[in-house]
Protein backbone atom coordinates (compact mmCIF):
# COMPACT_ATOMS: atom_id res chain seq x y z
CA MET A 1 40.49 22.54 -90.37
CA SER A 2 37.86 24.13 -92.39
CA GLU A 3 36.39 20.67 -93.28
CA ILE A 4 35.51 19.99 -89.82
CA ASN A 5 33.44 23.24 -89.55
CA ASN A 6 31.62 22.52 -93.01
CA ILE A 7 30.28 19.08 -91.85
CA LYS A 8 26.60 18.71 -92.39
CA THR A 9 24.63 15.91 -91.11
CA SER A 10 23.01 13.98 -94.02
CA ASN A 11 19.79 12.92 -91.66
CA GLN A 12 19.42 16.60 -90.12
CA ALA A 13 16.05 16.72 -91.35
CA LEU A 14 15.20 13.42 -89.76
CA LEU A 15 16.74 14.62 -86.47
CA ASN A 16 14.92 17.83 -86.40
CA SER A 17 11.66 16.08 -87.01
CA MET A 18 12.35 13.44 -84.32
CA ARG A 19 13.03 16.34 -81.90
CA ASP A 20 9.69 18.21 -82.84
CA VAL A 21 7.96 14.91 -82.27
CA LYS A 22 9.56 14.55 -78.80
CA THR A 23 8.69 18.00 -77.80
CA ARG A 24 5.05 17.83 -78.89
CA ASN A 25 4.74 14.47 -76.89
CA THR A 26 6.27 16.22 -73.99
CA ASN A 27 3.76 19.12 -74.09
CA ASN A 28 0.85 16.71 -74.69
CA ASP A 29 1.87 14.61 -71.67
CA SER A 30 1.81 17.80 -69.44
CA THR A 31 -1.35 18.84 -70.58
CA GLN A 32 -2.94 15.39 -69.89
CA SER A 33 -1.18 15.35 -66.48
CA GLN A 34 -2.99 18.66 -65.56
CA ASP A 35 -6.10 17.30 -66.91
CA VAL A 36 -5.98 14.09 -64.71
CA SER A 37 -4.95 16.09 -61.68
CA GLU A 38 -7.62 18.49 -61.95
CA ASN A 39 -10.19 15.89 -62.26
CA SER A 40 -8.83 13.62 -59.51
CA SER A 41 -8.37 16.26 -56.99
CA VAL A 42 -12.18 16.60 -56.80
CA ASN A 43 -12.39 12.89 -55.56
CA ASP A 44 -9.19 12.47 -53.72
CA LYS A 45 -9.14 12.07 -49.99
CA VAL A 46 -6.34 11.78 -47.57
CA SER A 47 -6.69 10.19 -44.16
CA LEU A 48 -3.82 9.35 -41.72
CA THR A 49 -3.64 6.42 -39.34
CA GLU A 50 -3.10 6.81 -35.95
CA THR A 51 0.27 5.54 -36.19
CA ALA A 52 1.05 8.37 -38.84
CA THR A 53 -0.33 10.73 -36.49
CA GLN A 54 1.78 9.61 -33.57
CA LEU A 55 4.81 9.78 -35.83
CA GLN A 56 3.90 13.15 -37.05
CA SER A 57 3.69 14.54 -33.48
CA LEU A 58 7.04 12.85 -32.29
CA ARG A 59 8.80 14.45 -35.14
CA GLN A 60 7.43 17.71 -34.14
CA ALA A 61 8.43 16.97 -30.33
CA ILE A 62 11.96 16.03 -31.65
CA ALA A 63 12.25 19.23 -33.95
CA ASP A 64 11.06 21.50 -30.87
CA SER A 65 13.50 20.05 -28.35
CA PRO A 66 16.79 21.51 -27.91
CA GLU A 67 19.89 19.60 -29.35
CA VAL A 68 21.95 20.35 -26.13
CA ASN A 69 20.88 19.46 -22.68
CA THR A 70 21.59 22.77 -21.16
CA ASP A 71 21.03 21.79 -17.61
CA ARG A 72 23.63 19.00 -17.77
CA VAL A 73 26.21 21.26 -19.48
CA ALA A 74 25.81 23.84 -16.73
CA ALA A 75 26.19 21.06 -14.23
CA LEU A 76 29.53 19.85 -15.74
CA ARG A 77 30.84 23.44 -16.12
CA ALA A 78 30.23 24.04 -12.46
CA ALA A 79 31.87 20.79 -11.34
CA ILE A 80 34.91 21.62 -13.55
CA ALA A 81 35.08 25.03 -12.08
CA ASP A 82 34.97 24.10 -8.42
CA GLY A 83 37.41 21.06 -9.21
CA SER A 84 34.75 18.45 -8.22
CA TYR A 85 34.41 16.73 -11.56
CA ASN A 86 36.53 13.49 -11.44
CA VAL A 87 37.49 11.41 -14.57
CA ASP A 88 37.84 7.83 -14.24
CA SER A 89 40.90 6.90 -16.47
CA GLU A 90 39.86 3.20 -16.64
CA THR A 91 36.46 3.79 -17.55
CA LEU A 92 37.56 6.46 -20.15
CA ALA A 93 40.28 4.00 -21.57
CA GLN A 94 37.81 1.15 -21.84
CA ASN A 95 35.20 3.33 -23.73
CA LEU A 96 37.83 4.43 -26.23
CA ILE A 97 38.50 0.85 -26.80
CA ASN A 98 35.00 -0.02 -27.25
CA SER A 99 34.30 2.86 -29.59
CA ASP A 100 37.18 1.72 -31.67
CA ILE A 101 35.81 -1.70 -31.89
CA GLN A 102 32.60 -0.61 -33.18
CA PHE A 103 34.05 1.24 -36.15
């Protein structure tokens, strides 16, 4: 068992030097990308097309709208409470069959 703990890699120096080179390359790449981003940010411009602007406003409208139609829920609750809510069993059964077919 002590033999396992004393294993030394014969190429340890090579592995360490390769790791050092990789670290230096990574550091150089990040420095270069910072330089490029600093230089290009002066000349870069962004413009949105009319379609992109419309999509942006639609996304905002959807985000601002409630997920639940509270008026519809209130009307259904009132109809159930006063007993006027009626369920058509044939339509319900057909809708269940149709939803099962889709999946």
